[in-house]
């Protein structure tokens, strides 16, 4: 038993040393940048998809597939999700929005095109 205690202490110390020294290992910065780049690409794709969902919901409202109340609820939810995506992009230092991908301004919530 007297040999097991020092070995256990050395093992715990070694594990702590390895875990705490990882940021100093070569390539750590590159891997972290790579992960951030992949996250940014995913968020950009999610942003474009969310804008498309917003436009689709507006089209559904305009064509009468969604009632104004249903559209408002869906629009609020979709825009909140889009804002969350934009906040994450901003935290990564990415562009907030690209002018070509921005959703068209919404018409009055209850307005429908003349038929």
Protein backbone atom coordinates (compact mmCIF):
# COMPACT_ATOMS: atom_id res chain seq x y z
CA UNK A 1 0.00 0.00 0.00
CA UNK A 2 2.89 2.37 0.63
CA UNK A 3 3.98 2.12 -3.03
CA UNK A 4 0.48 2.63 -4.45
CA UNK A 5 -0.09 6.06 -2.87
CA UNK A 6 2.98 7.77 -4.41
CA UNK A 7 2.25 6.15 -7.78
CA UNK A 8 -1.32 7.41 -7.67
CA UNK A 9 -0.12 10.90 -6.78
CA UNK A 10 2.39 10.82 -9.66
CA UNK A 11 -0.30 9.63 -12.05
CA UNK A 12 -2.70 12.42 -11.05
CA UNK A 13 0.12 14.96 -11.30
CA UNK A 14 1.04 13.69 -14.77
CA UNK A 15 -2.54 13.88 -16.03
CA UNK A 16 -2.88 17.44 -14.67
CA UNK A 17 0.42 18.42 -16.28
CA UNK A 18 -0.67 17.07 -19.67
CA UNK A 19 -4.06 18.78 -19.52
CA UNK A 20 -2.66 22.13 -18.42
CA UNK A 21 0.16 22.13 -20.98
CA UNK A 22 -2.01 21.40 -24.04
CA UNK A 23 -2.35 25.07 -25.07
CA UNK A 24 1.44 25.25 -25.30
CA UNK A 25 1.80 22.32 -27.69
CA UNK A 26 2.68 23.07 -31.32
CA UNK A 27 -0.29 23.28 -33.63
CA UNK A 28 -2.80 24.12 -30.93
CA UNK A 29 -3.39 27.63 -32.30
CA UNK A 30 -3.85 26.30 -35.83
CA UNK A 31 -6.38 23.69 -34.68
CA UNK A 32 -8.30 26.31 -32.73
CA UNK A 33 -8.37 28.62 -35.78
CA UNK A 34 -9.50 25.72 -37.93
CA UNK A 35 -12.37 24.94 -35.56
CA UNK A 36 -13.41 28.62 -35.51
CA UNK A 37 -13.30 28.75 -39.32
CA UNK A 38 -15.50 25.67 -39.57
CA UNK A 39 -17.93 27.15 -37.05
CA UNK A 40 -18.02 30.42 -39.03
CA UNK A 41 -18.79 28.53 -42.25
CA UNK A 42 -21.59 26.63 -40.51
CA UNK A 43 -23.04 29.86 -39.10
CA UNK A 44 -22.87 31.58 -42.50
CA UNK A 45 -24.79 28.68 -44.04
CA UNK A 46 -27.32 28.80 -41.20
CA UNK A 47 -27.73 32.56 -41.71
CA UNK A 48 -28.47 32.17 -45.41
CA UNK A 49 -30.88 29.31 -44.71
CA UNK A 50 -32.67 31.33 -42.02
CA UNK A 51 -33.07 34.31 -44.39
CA UNK A 52 -34.54 31.91 -46.95
CA UNK A 53 -36.99 30.62 -44.32
CA UNK A 54 -38.04 34.19 -43.53
CA UNK A 55 -38.64 34.91 -47.22
CA UNK A 56 -40.57 31.64 -47.60
CA UNK A 57 -42.79 32.52 -44.65
CA UNK A 58 -43.47 35.94 -46.18
CA UNK A 59 -44.34 34.27 -49.48
CA UNK A 60 -46.67 31.85 -47.69
CA UNK A 61 -48.38 34.83 -46.04
CA UNK A 62 -48.66 36.67 -49.35
CA UNK A 63 -50.16 33.63 -51.09
CA UNK A 64 -52.62 32.99 -48.28
CA UNK A 65 -51.07 29.78 -46.98
CA UNK A 66 -50.47 31.40 -43.59
CA UNK A 67 -52.91 33.53 -41.65
CA UNK A 68 -51.57 36.88 -40.43
CA UNK A 69 -51.48 35.61 -36.83
CA UNK A 70 -49.61 32.44 -37.79
CA UNK A 71 -47.21 34.44 -39.93
CA UNK A 72 -46.47 36.88 -37.11
CA UNK A 73 -45.66 34.02 -34.73
CA UNK A 74 -43.46 32.28 -37.29
CA UNK A 75 -41.80 35.55 -38.30
CA UNK A 76 -40.98 36.43 -34.68
CA UNK A 77 -39.48 32.99 -34.08
CA UNK A 78 -37.47 32.98 -37.33
CA UNK A 79 -36.13 36.48 -36.80
CA UNK A 80 -35.14 35.65 -33.20
CA UNK A 81 -33.24 32.63 -34.49
CA UNK A 82 -31.59 34.79 -37.16
CA UNK A 83 -30.51 37.32 -34.53
CA UNK A 84 -29.00 34.51 -32.42
CA UNK A 85 -27.02 33.32 -35.45
CA UNK A 86 -25.83 36.86 -36.17
CA UNK A 87 -24.79 37.29 -32.54
CA UNK A 88 -22.71 34.11 -32.72
CA UNK A 89 -21.12 35.30 -35.97
CA UNK A 90 -20.30 38.63 -34.40
CA UNK A 91 -18.74 36.87 -31.40
CA UNK A 92 -16.48 34.98 -33.82
CA UNK A 93 -15.53 38.22 -35.52
CA UNK A 94 -17.30 37.35 -38.76
CA UNK A 95 -19.37 39.69 -40.88
CA UNK A 96 -22.70 40.66 -39.33
CA UNK A 97 -24.68 40.52 -42.57
CA UNK A 98 -23.91 40.56 -46.23
CA UNK A 99 -25.96 43.07 -48.22
CA UNK A 100 -26.83 40.52 -50.91
CA UNK A 101 -28.21 37.99 -48.40
CA UNK A 102 -30.27 40.36 -46.25
CA UNK A 103 -34.01 39.68 -46.20
CA UNK A 104 -36.29 42.06 -48.01
CA UNK A 105 -38.11 44.47 -45.72
CA UNK A 106 -41.42 43.03 -44.66
CA UNK A 107 -44.65 44.65 -45.79
CA UNK A 108 -47.29 45.54 -43.28
CA UNK A 109 -48.15 42.35 -41.36
CA UNK A 110 -51.78 42.22 -42.48
CA UNK A 111 -51.25 43.53 -46.02
CA UNK A 112 -51.93 41.12 -48.85
CA UNK A 113 -51.32 41.75 -52.52
CA UNK A 114 -54.31 42.61 -54.65
CA UNK A 115 -55.68 39.63 -56.54
